[in-house]
Amino acid sequence: ASVELSSFSKSLISVTKTADLDLLVTRSTELAYTMHRIKALLDATDSNPDDEEDPVFESHAVFALELAARTLFSNRDFAVELFPVFSAKFEKAISVFDNIENTPTDPDSFPTVDNPFLMERIVVTILRSCIHLYELPELRKQILKALDLLLRIPTWYLGAIADRVGCGMAIILRGSFTTIEGIKEWRMVAALLKKAVVVHEGRRFVFDGIASCVEYALPNPAYEATHVLHRGEKNDEIGICYEGCIVFARILVNFVVGRYEGDMSMSVPAMLCLEKIYSHILFLTTDHSAVDENADGLVQPIPDEELWQTVSTSFHCVGLMPDDAASRQGVECLERLISTTAINSVSDARWLTLLEMLSLRQPDISSETARHKMCSVLGKVLLLTVPQLSRKKEHWDPLTKIVNQTTKVVAENLVAGRQGTVTPLFESTLQTVTNVSNVMTMPEYCQETDGFSQWVGDTLLAELEKVGASGYSNEMVAARTKPETLESMVHDV
């Protein structure tokens, strides 16, 4: 049976047959005429109670909205005057969600939204408005107000269009990250990214958007760029503001550790982006006028201990992955992070937490490369921190547990690395333990730590004696003289 169309639908069909729509959306020199066209088109998106049964109303309304949006983007010179008309329409459309009191958890109980396709296109039009018009300073407040409307949409609905929201936000980030300013604006961006990223369909878009910004703004390898800047060399990088870096870092950490539905598929690329972002945060928060020109530019004070611990934990998480290549990259990132950390800028409690994490959780013994690299990192942190931490006797109990756990790691490595032939795991563990033991047993350190470091060195050396490898320590002549700084000794491990 044929469907009887409403008079409105018949009028629209008549227009499409007789009008040249390209002329309708082209640039105009008359504001009044353009305003009249846009108002007429937007009025056509309002449902009429008399046409409730019209089966094609929504399609026609979406078409009218698209024509209105294209007219706006084609007439950027009048955007400041035209956009308030859209803002009123957006506000009216989104307000329907204000009347929904409860947020359902069961998808089968989600409320029904009238004209869902039209609602989706309104959301997309808001995003497109930001993409096309955010760069206009005089319009930015209105654009941000429209974008903020999306936060009023419940998660259960945005989840259904997470791919569109994620894609839109990715384009906004890539095109406008240099002009997004202040905590307030970045908090809104973060909130929208979080709404899109929790759903699988929007997750890839969010990551691609962040990664694109990082690769474009920070093309140099992490830490190398910071070293160049420290030396005062010319830097052509655009950079990302501090607030943006913090937003990116927090989301990237969640990608790295698989906090979004256990999805670890983007852990490694997210980790590499996070490393660059964290390096840039260090640069942004360093008073370069107060930096010693003769100091190592790669060693930086830590502005945010909690962020440092979160980043180090996420790198360690990747270091434990079963994939050999991923695990190796995770350990290498962790090693670079620690080697660039000024020891006195991290509290004793956080160093103890890191040591406990490293001694308790190592890569699987079958991942030989990652395993010996992680053991080397553990040795470096022991060298950096134990002489300082052990000066306080309240740290002796936790340090004792850490050292005892470390001996278990060493024993596992030595046994697994000497099954018939001597493997790199055995040799690297032997070198690490010997260096740490030799430094810890030097008279200067034993005196400073009231003999605790002597116990650490002897305890670790005992593991070598169990496999008949303690003689190797006699060859480590370089470790017999106290270095100028502990940091200079770490590189030998």
Protein backbone atom coordinates (compact mmCIF):
# COMPACT_ATOMS: atom_id res chain seq x y z
CA ALA A 1 0.00 0.00 0.00
CA SER A 2 1.26 3.46 -0.83
CA VAL A 3 2.10 5.87 2.01
CA GLU A 4 0.38 9.23 2.03
CA LEU A 5 3.03 11.93 2.46
CA SER A 6 2.49 15.03 4.54
CA SER A 7 2.25 18.42 2.91
CA PHE A 8 5.68 19.27 4.36
CA SER A 9 7.27 16.19 2.80
CA LYS A 10 5.64 16.94 -0.53
CA SER A 11 7.01 20.49 -0.38
CA LEU A 12 10.54 19.25 0.29
CA ILE A 13 10.39 16.80 -2.59
CA SER A 14 9.17 19.58 -4.84
CA VAL A 15 12.11 21.77 -3.77
CA THR A 16 14.66 19.04 -4.56
CA LYS A 17 13.20 18.64 -8.02
CA THR A 18 13.12 22.30 -8.94
CA ALA A 19 15.95 23.93 -6.99
CA ASP A 20 19.69 23.85 -7.51
CA LEU A 21 20.83 22.83 -4.01
CA ASP A 22 24.42 23.76 -4.73
CA LEU A 23 23.30 27.38 -5.01
CA LEU A 24 21.47 27.04 -1.70
CA VAL A 25 24.61 26.26 0.29
CA THR A 26 27.14 28.42 -1.56
CA ARG A 27 28.74 31.51 -0.07
CA SER A 28 26.52 34.57 0.05
CA THR A 29 27.22 38.26 0.39
CA GLU A 30 23.91 38.98 2.12
CA LEU A 31 23.63 38.14 5.81
CA ALA A 32 19.85 38.60 5.97
CA TYR A 33 19.23 36.22 3.09
CA THR A 34 21.61 33.60 4.51
CA MET A 35 20.03 33.91 7.96
CA HIS A 36 16.57 33.41 6.44
CA ARG A 37 17.67 30.24 4.65
CA ILE A 38 19.25 28.74 7.73
CA LYS A 39 16.27 29.51 9.97
CA ALA A 40 13.90 27.95 7.45
CA LEU A 41 16.02 24.82 7.20
CA LEU A 42 16.40 24.47 10.96
CA ASP A 43 12.69 25.02 11.48
CA ALA A 44 12.16 22.03 9.22
CA THR A 45 13.90 19.84 11.79
CA ASP A 46 11.13 20.43 14.35
CA SER A 47 8.56 17.68 14.46
CA ASN A 48 4.94 18.70 14.01
CA PRO A 49 2.32 17.01 16.21
CA ASP A 50 0.04 16.80 13.19
CA ASP A 51 2.68 14.78 11.31
CA GLU A 52 3.56 12.23 13.99
CA GLU A 53 2.88 9.33 11.65
CA ASP A 54 4.96 10.75 8.81
CA PRO A 55 7.39 7.90 8.02
CA VAL A 56 9.88 10.13 6.21
CA PHE A 57 9.92 13.14 8.54
CA GLU A 58 13.20 12.15 10.15
CA SER A 59 14.97 11.66 6.82
CA HIS A 60 13.79 15.02 5.58
CA ALA A 61 14.72 16.70 8.87
CA VAL A 62 18.24 15.26 8.69
CA PHE A 63 18.53 16.47 5.11
CA ALA A 64 17.44 19.98 6.13
CA LEU A 65 19.94 19.98 9.02
CA GLU A 66 22.74 18.99 6.66
CA LEU A 67 21.86 21.79 4.24
CA ALA A 68 21.79 24.28 7.10
CA ALA A 69 25.19 23.12 8.37
CA ARG A 70 26.75 23.34 4.92
CA THR A 71 25.32 26.81 4.49
CA LEU A 72 26.92 27.85 7.79
CA PHE A 73 30.34 26.44 6.86
CA SER A 74 30.17 28.07 3.44
CA ASN A 75 29.52 31.47 5.02
CA ARG A 76 32.25 31.70 7.64
CA ASP A 77 32.25 35.49 7.31
CA PHE A 78 28.80 35.49 8.93
CA ALA A 79 29.50 32.64 11.34
CA VAL A 80 29.40 34.84 14.45
CA GLU A 81 25.90 36.02 13.56
CA LEU A 82 24.63 32.68 12.24
CA PHE A 83 25.88 30.26 14.87
CA PRO A 84 23.56 31.42 17.71
CA VAL A 85 20.65 30.08 15.65
CA PHE A 86 22.29 26.66 15.67
CA SER A 87 23.11 26.94 19.37
CA ALA A 88 19.45 27.43 20.21
CA LYS A 89 18.55 24.38 18.13
CA PHE A 90 21.27 22.27 19.78
CA GLU A 91 20.14 23.33 23.26
CA LYS A 92 16.53 22.44 22.53
CA ALA A 93 17.45 19.04 21.10
CA ILE A 94 19.79 18.00 23.92
CA SER A 95 17.36 19.16 26.60
CA VAL A 96 15.23 16.04 26.05
CA PHE A 97 17.82 14.09 28.06
CA ASP A 98 17.36 16.39 31.05
CA ASN A 99 14.00 14.78 31.71
CA ILE A 100 15.45 11.28 31.99
CA GLU A 101 16.06 10.85 35.72
CA ASN A 102 17.63 7.41 36.02
CA THR A 103 20.55 5.96 34.09
CA PRO A 104 19.79 2.36 33.12
CA THR A 105 22.48 -0.33 33.14
CA ASP A 106 20.64 -2.94 31.11
CA PRO A 107 20.71 -2.16 27.36
CA ASP A 108 17.23 -3.63 27.04
CA SER A 109 15.89 -1.00 29.42
CA PHE A 110 17.34 2.04 27.70
CA PRO A 111 14.69 4.73 27.16
CA THR A 112 13.47 5.35 23.65
CA VAL A 113 14.69 8.56 22.05
CA ASP A 114 12.39 10.13 19.49
CA ASN A 115 13.98 10.46 16.07
CA PRO A 116 17.31 8.84 17.07
CA PHE A 117 18.89 9.36 13.64
CA LEU A 118 18.17 13.08 13.83
CA MET A 119 19.62 13.20 17.34
CA GLU A 120 22.78 11.49 16.14
CA ARG A 121 23.18 14.00 13.30
CA ILE A 122 22.71 16.88 15.75
CA VAL A 123 25.58 15.49 17.83
CA VAL A 124 27.68 15.15 14.69
CA THR A 125 26.80 18.68 13.62
CA ILE A 126 28.00 20.01 16.97
CA LEU A 127 31.30 18.21 16.47
CA ARG A 128 31.60 19.43 12.89
CA SER A 129 30.94 22.99 14.02
CA CYS A 130 33.88 22.72 16.38
CA ILE A 131 36.05 21.21 13.65
CA HIS A 132 35.29 23.97 11.15
CA LEU A 133 34.86 27.03 13.37
CA TYR A 134 36.92 26.59 16.55
CA GLU A 135 39.81 28.50 15.05
CA LEU A 136 37.69 31.69 14.97
CA PRO A 137 38.55 33.45 18.28
CA GLU A 138 35.36 35.50 18.34
CA LEU A 139 33.24 32.36 18.09
CA ARG A 140 35.21 30.08 20.42
CA LYS A 141 33.09 30.60 23.54
CA GLN A 142 29.91 29.74 21.66
CA ILE A 143 31.55 26.66 20.12
CA LEU A 144 32.74 25.45 23.52
CA LYS A 145 29.27 25.99 24.97
CA ALA A 146 27.80 23.84 22.21
CA LEU A 147 30.45 21.18 22.74
CA ASP A 148 29.69 21.19 26.45
CA LEU A 149 26.11 20.19 25.63
CA LEU A 150 27.40 16.74 24.69
CA LEU A 151 28.33 16.13 28.31
CA ARG A 152 24.64 16.34 29.19
CA ILE A 153 23.94 13.33 27.00
CA PRO A 154 23.89 10.15 29.12
CA THR A 155 26.64 7.60 28.55
CA TRP A 156 24.16 4.90 27.60
CA TYR A 157 23.17 6.97 24.56
CA LEU A 158 26.61 8.27 23.60
CA GLY A 159 27.84 4.69 23.71
CA ALA A 160 25.63 3.92 20.74
CA ILE A 161 27.38 6.60 18.68
CA ALA A 162 30.83 6.36 20.30
CA ASP A 163 32.51 5.91 16.92
CA ARG A 164 31.13 9.23 15.65
CA VAL A 165 32.00 11.03 18.89
CA GLY A 166 35.48 9.46 18.96
CA CYS A 167 36.13 10.34 15.33
CA GLY A 168 34.92 13.90 15.79
CA MET A 169 37.03 14.44 18.89
CA ALA A 170 40.08 12.97 17.15
CA ILE A 171 39.73 15.48 14.30
CA ILE A 172 39.17 18.32 16.78
CA LEU A 173 42.31 17.37 18.68
CA ARG A 174 44.47 17.13 15.58
CA GLY A 175 43.25 20.43 14.19
CA SER A 176 42.90 22.51 17.35
CA PHE A 177 45.13 21.13 20.13
CA THR A 178 47.36 24.20 19.91
CA THR A 179 44.42 26.54 20.49
CA ILE A 180 42.68 24.66 23.31
CA GLU A 181 43.60 26.66 26.38
CA GLY A 182 43.41 26.37 30.13
CA ILE A 183 42.28 23.74 32.57
CA LYS A 184 38.56 24.30 31.96
CA GLU A 185 38.73 23.66 28.21
CA TRP A 186 41.01 20.65 28.57
CA ARG A 187 38.78 19.16 31.27
CA MET A 188 35.86 19.30 28.88
CA VAL A 189 37.94 17.69 26.14
CA ALA A 190 39.03 14.98 28.59
CA ALA A 191 35.43 14.30 29.63
CA LEU A 192 34.32 13.84 26.02
CA LEU A 193 37.28 11.62 25.20
CA LYS A 194 36.47 9.44 28.21
CA LYS A 195 32.87 9.05 27.08
CA ALA A 196 34.03 7.82 23.68
CA VAL A 197 36.98 5.70 24.79
CA VAL A 198 35.07 3.41 27.15
CA VAL A 199 33.25 1.89 24.18
CA HIS A 200 35.20 -0.31 21.79
CA GLU A 201 33.84 1.42 18.68
CA GLY A 202 35.18 4.81 19.78
CA ARG A 203 38.43 3.66 21.36
CA ARG A 204 40.58 3.45 18.24
CA PHE A 205 39.52 6.92 17.13
CA VAL A 206 40.47 8.42 20.49
CA PHE A 207 43.88 6.79 20.46
CA ASP A 208 44.53 7.79 16.86
CA GLY A 209 43.63 11.39 17.69
CA ILE A 210 46.00 11.55 20.64
CA ALA A 211 48.78 9.70 18.83
CA SER A 212 48.47 12.02 15.83
CA CYS A 213 48.91 15.06 18.06
CA VAL A 214 51.91 13.53 19.82
CA GLU A 215 53.67 12.49 16.61
CA TYR A 216 53.04 15.88 15.01
CA ALA A 217 53.96 18.05 18.00
CA LEU A 218 56.74 15.90 19.45
CA PRO A 219 58.44 14.17 16.50
CA ASN A 220 61.81 13.66 18.21
CA PRO A 221 62.44 10.52 20.28
CA ALA A 222 61.52 10.86 23.92
CA TYR A 223 64.25 12.30 26.18
CA GLU A 224 66.44 13.13 23.15
CA ALA A 225 64.26 16.18 22.54
CA THR A 226 64.50 17.16 26.20
CA HIS A 227 68.30 16.88 26.06
CA VAL A 228 68.42 19.09 22.96
CA LEU A 229 66.26 21.71 24.65
CA HIS A 230 68.38 21.53 27.80
CA ARG A 231 71.49 22.34 25.78
CA GLY A 232 69.77 25.41 24.40
CA GLU A 233 69.78 24.21 20.82
CA LYS A 234 67.19 25.40 18.33
CA ASN A 235 63.88 23.62 18.63
CA ASP A 236 61.21 23.78 15.95
CA GLU A 237 58.70 21.57 17.74
CA ILE A 238 55.24 23.01 18.30
CA GLY A 239 54.76 21.25 21.60
CA ILE A 240 51.65 20.54 23.64
CA CYS A 241 50.61 22.64 26.61
CA TYR A 242 50.94 21.25 30.14
CA GLU A 243 47.19 20.79 30.64
CA GLY A 244 46.94 18.90 27.35
CA CYS A 245 49.89 16.69 28.29
CA ILE A 246 48.25 15.73 31.58
CA VAL A 247 44.99 14.83 29.83
CA PHE A 248 46.82 12.76 27.22
CA ALA A 249 49.02 11.07 29.83
CA ARG A 250 46.09 9.91 31.95
CA ILE A 251 44.22 8.46 28.99
CA LEU A 252 47.35 6.86 27.54
CA VAL A 253 48.12 5.16 30.86
CA ASN A 254 44.70 3.51 30.68
CA PHE A 255 45.49 2.28 27.16
CA VAL A 256 48.86 0.95 28.30
CA VAL A 257 47.53 -1.12 31.21
CA GLY A 258 44.35 -2.25 29.43
CA ARG A 259 41.95 -0.45 31.73
CA TYR A 260 39.35 -0.14 28.96
CA GLU A 261 37.57 -3.51 29.04
CA GLY A 262 40.93 -5.28 29.33
CA ASP A 263 41.88 -4.17 25.82
CA MET A 264 45.69 -4.44 25.55
CA SER A 265 45.84 -4.19 21.75
CA MET A 266 47.22 -0.64 21.83
CA SER A 267 49.47 -1.00 24.89
CA VAL A 268 52.83 -0.69 23.13
CA PRO A 269 52.06 2.25 20.81
CA ALA A 270 50.29 3.98 23.71
CA MET A 271 53.36 3.45 25.89
CA LEU A 272 55.65 5.03 23.29
CA CYS A 273 53.34 8.04 23.07
CA LEU A 274 53.20 8.22 26.86
CA GLU A 275 56.98 8.25 27.05
CA LYS A 276 57.12 11.27 24.74
CA ILE A 277 54.36 13.05 26.63
CA TYR A 278 56.01 12.45 30.00
CA SER A 279 59.35 13.69 28.66
CA HIS A 280 57.64 16.86 27.44
CA ILE A 281 55.97 17.35 30.84
CA LEU A 282 59.42 17.27 32.43
CA PHE A 283 60.63 19.89 30.00
CA LEU A 284 57.63 22.14 30.57
CA THR A 285 58.00 22.00 34.35
CA THR A 286 61.77 22.51 34.50
CA ASP A 287 63.19 25.94 35.29
CA HIS A 288 65.84 25.92 32.59
CA SER A 289 67.33 29.19 33.77
CA ALA A 290 68.28 27.47 37.03
CA VAL A 291 69.71 24.32 35.46
CA ASP A 292 73.43 23.78 35.83
CA GLU A 293 74.93 23.98 32.33
CA ASN A 294 77.47 21.32 33.27
CA ALA A 295 74.83 18.92 34.60
CA ASP A 296 73.48 16.00 32.65
CA GLY A 297 70.43 17.35 30.87
CA LEU A 298 68.80 13.95 30.85
CA VAL A 299 68.43 13.83 34.65
CA GLN A 300 65.34 15.80 35.58
CA PRO A 301 63.59 16.66 38.87
CA ILE A 302 60.13 15.13 39.14
CA PRO A 303 57.29 17.68 39.32
CA ASP A 304 54.55 15.15 40.09
CA GLU A 305 55.46 12.04 42.07
CA GLU A 306 52.07 10.42 41.59
CA LEU A 307 52.31 10.78 37.81
CA TRP A 308 55.87 9.44 37.88
CA GLN A 309 54.75 6.37 39.81
CA THR A 310 51.76 5.84 37.51
CA VAL A 311 53.94 6.06 34.40
CA SER A 312 56.62 3.76 35.81
CA THR A 313 53.98 1.22 36.83
CA SER A 314 52.44 1.26 33.35
CA PHE A 315 55.84 0.72 31.70
CA HIS A 316 56.48 -2.15 34.07
CA CYS A 317 53.09 -3.61 33.15
CA VAL A 318 54.10 -3.79 29.49
CA GLY A 319 57.43 -5.29 30.54
CA LEU A 320 55.50 -8.26 31.94
CA MET A 321 53.58 -8.99 28.73
CA PRO A 322 54.07 -12.47 27.22
CA ASP A 323 55.02 -11.02 23.84
CA ASP A 324 58.83 -10.81 23.76
CA ALA A 325 59.05 -7.67 21.63
CA ALA A 326 56.44 -5.82 23.69
CA SER A 327 58.03 -6.91 26.96
CA ARG A 328 61.45 -5.75 25.84
CA GLN A 329 60.12 -2.33 24.84
CA GLY A 330 58.34 -1.97 28.17
CA VAL A 331 61.53 -2.68 30.11
CA GLU A 332 63.50 -0.27 27.94
CA CYS A 333 60.98 2.51 28.54
CA LEU A 334 61.12 1.86 32.27
CA GLU A 335 64.91 1.93 32.21
CA ARG A 336 64.96 5.26 30.39
CA LEU A 337 62.44 6.71 32.83
CA ILE A 338 64.49 5.71 35.87
CA SER A 339 67.77 6.87 34.33
CA THR A 340 66.31 10.35 33.82
CA THR A 341 64.90 10.65 37.33
CA ALA A 342 66.68 12.79 39.91
CA ILE A 343 66.80 10.52 42.94
CA ASN A 344 66.11 13.24 45.52
CA SER A 345 62.94 14.37 43.73
CA VAL A 346 61.14 11.10 44.54
CA SER A 347 60.11 10.25 48.08
CA ASP A 348 61.52 7.26 49.92
CA ALA A 349 58.08 5.66 50.04
CA ARG A 350 57.72 5.70 46.25
CA TRP A 351 61.23 4.33 45.71
CA LEU A 352 60.39 1.49 48.09
CA THR A 353 57.17 0.84 46.18
CA LEU A 354 59.08 0.70 42.89
CA LEU A 355 61.70 -1.66 44.35
CA GLU A 356 59.01 -3.94 45.71
CA MET A 357 57.26 -4.01 42.35
CA LEU A 358 60.47 -4.81 40.46
CA SER A 359 61.56 -7.55 42.85
CA LEU A 360 58.16 -9.25 43.04
CA ARG A 361 57.07 -9.06 39.41
CA GLN A 362 59.54 -10.01 36.70
CA PRO A 363 58.92 -11.08 33.08
CA ASP A 364 58.43 -14.78 32.55
CA ILE A 365 61.70 -16.69 32.65
CA SER A 366 61.09 -17.82 29.06
CA SER A 367 61.36 -14.18 27.88
CA GLU A 368 65.13 -14.15 28.30
CA THR A 369 65.90 -10.72 26.89
CA ALA A 370 63.19 -8.93 28.83
CA ARG A 371 64.09 -10.91 31.93
CA HIS A 372 67.75 -9.94 31.98
CA LYS A 373 66.89 -6.33 31.11
CA MET A 374 64.42 -6.14 34.00
CA CYS A 375 67.01 -7.67 36.33
CA SER A 376 69.45 -4.99 35.20
CA VAL A 377 66.87 -2.29 35.94
CA LEU A 378 66.34 -3.76 39.40
CA GLY A 379 70.08 -3.65 39.99
CA LYS A 380 70.28 -0.02 38.89
CA VAL A 381 67.48 1.02 41.23
CA LEU A 382 69.14 -0.85 44.09
CA LEU A 383 72.39 0.99 43.43
CA LEU A 384 70.62 4.33 43.21
CA THR A 385 68.43 4.01 46.28
CA VAL A 386 69.69 1.52 48.86
CA PRO A 387 72.65 3.62 50.07
CA GLN A 388 70.26 6.52 50.60
CA LEU A 389 67.26 4.58 51.93
CA SER A 390 69.26 2.41 54.32
CA ARG A 391 70.51 5.43 56.23
CA LYS A 392 67.10 5.43 57.90
CA LYS A 393 66.67 2.34 60.01
CA GLU A 394 62.87 2.43 59.61
CA HIS A 395 63.49 1.39 56.00
CA TRP A 396 65.55 -1.67 56.92
CA ASP A 397 62.59 -4.07 57.27
CA PRO A 398 61.03 -3.30 53.85
CA LEU A 399 64.48 -3.23 52.26
CA THR A 400 65.29 -6.61 53.78
CA LYS A 401 62.17 -8.10 52.20
CA ILE A 402 63.06 -6.51 48.86
CA VAL A 403 66.64 -7.83 48.93
CA ASN A 404 65.49 -11.33 49.89
CA GLN A 405 63.01 -11.28 47.01
CA THR A 406 65.76 -10.04 44.71
CA THR A 407 67.89 -13.05 45.61
CA LYS A 408 65.05 -15.29 44.43
CA VAL A 409 65.01 -13.48 41.08
CA VAL A 410 68.79 -13.82 40.81
CA ALA A 411 68.67 -17.53 41.65
CA GLU A 412 65.97 -18.18 39.04
CA ASN A 413 67.97 -16.31 36.39
CA LEU A 414 71.22 -18.13 37.18
CA VAL A 415 69.61 -21.56 37.14
CA ALA A 416 67.63 -20.93 33.95
CA GLY A 417 70.65 -19.36 32.27
CA ARG A 418 72.94 -22.29 32.87
CA GLN A 419 71.05 -25.23 31.45
CA GLY A 420 73.83 -27.00 29.59
CA THR A 421 75.35 -23.83 28.18
CA VAL A 422 75.86 -20.35 29.59
CA THR A 423 73.27 -17.98 28.15
CA PRO A 424 73.15 -14.16 28.01
CA LEU A 425 70.64 -14.30 30.89
CA PHE A 426 73.24 -15.97 33.12
CA GLU A 427 76.03 -13.60 32.06
CA SER A 428 73.99 -10.41 32.43
CA THR A 429 72.64 -11.48 35.83
CA LEU A 430 76.16 -12.34 36.95
CA GLN A 431 77.43 -8.91 35.89
CA THR A 432 74.53 -7.08 37.51
CA VAL A 433 74.86 -8.89 40.84
CA THR A 434 78.63 -8.50 40.89
CA ASN A 435 78.49 -4.76 40.28
CA VAL A 436 75.80 -4.20 42.89
CA SER A 437 77.60 -6.39 45.43
CA ASN A 438 80.96 -4.71 44.91
CA VAL A 439 79.53 -1.22 45.34
CA MET A 440 77.48 -2.15 48.40
CA THR A 441 80.48 -3.66 50.18
CA MET A 442 82.79 -0.68 49.71
CA PRO A 443 83.90 0.65 53.13
CA GLU A 444 82.61 4.15 52.35
CA TYR A 445 79.04 2.91 51.82
CA CYS A 446 79.14 0.45 54.70
CA GLN A 447 80.04 3.26 57.05
CA GLU A 448 77.33 5.57 55.72
CA THR A 449 74.62 2.90 56.03
CA ASP A 450 75.72 1.48 59.38
CA GLY A 451 76.63 -1.82 57.76
CA PHE A 452 73.31 -2.42 55.97
CA SER A 453 74.78 -2.12 52.48
CA GLN A 454 77.46 -4.67 53.50
CA TRP A 455 74.69 -7.13 54.28
CA VAL A 456 73.03 -6.41 50.92
CA GLY A 457 76.27 -7.03 49.04
CA ASP A 458 77.07 -10.22 50.93
CA THR A 459 73.53 -11.55 50.50
CA LEU A 460 73.60 -11.06 46.74
CA LEU A 461 77.13 -12.42 46.45
CA ALA A 462 76.02 -15.58 48.23
CA GLU A 463 73.76 -16.37 45.26
CA LEU A 464 76.78 -16.33 42.96
CA GLU A 465 78.65 -18.64 45.31
CA LYS A 466 75.83 -21.18 45.09
CA VAL A 467 76.54 -21.61 41.37
CA GLY A 468 80.29 -21.26 41.65
CA ALA A 469 80.43 -17.85 39.99
CA SER A 470 81.61 -15.66 42.87
CA GLY A 471 85.13 -15.55 41.43
CA TYR A 472 83.84 -13.22 38.73
CA SER A 473 83.52 -10.45 41.30
CA ASN A 474 87.28 -10.31 41.68
CA GLU A 475 87.56 -9.21 38.06
CA MET A 476 85.38 -6.15 38.59
CA VAL A 477 88.23 -3.82 39.45
CA ALA A 478 86.35 -0.71 38.47
CA ALA A 479 83.90 -1.24 41.29
CA ARG A 480 86.57 -1.15 43.94
CA THR A 481 86.89 2.62 43.91
CA LYS A 482 84.02 4.74 45.08
CA PRO A 483 82.58 6.73 42.16
CA GLU A 484 81.92 10.44 42.40
CA THR A 485 78.16 9.82 42.23
CA LEU A 486 75.97 6.77 42.41
CA GLU A 487 74.47 7.71 39.08
CA SER A 488 77.83 7.27 37.37
CA MET A 489 77.99 3.71 38.69
CA VAL A 490 74.53 2.77 37.48
CA HIS A 491 75.58 2.72 33.84
CA ASP A 492 77.91 -0.22 34.52
CA VAL A 493 75.03 -2.46 35.58
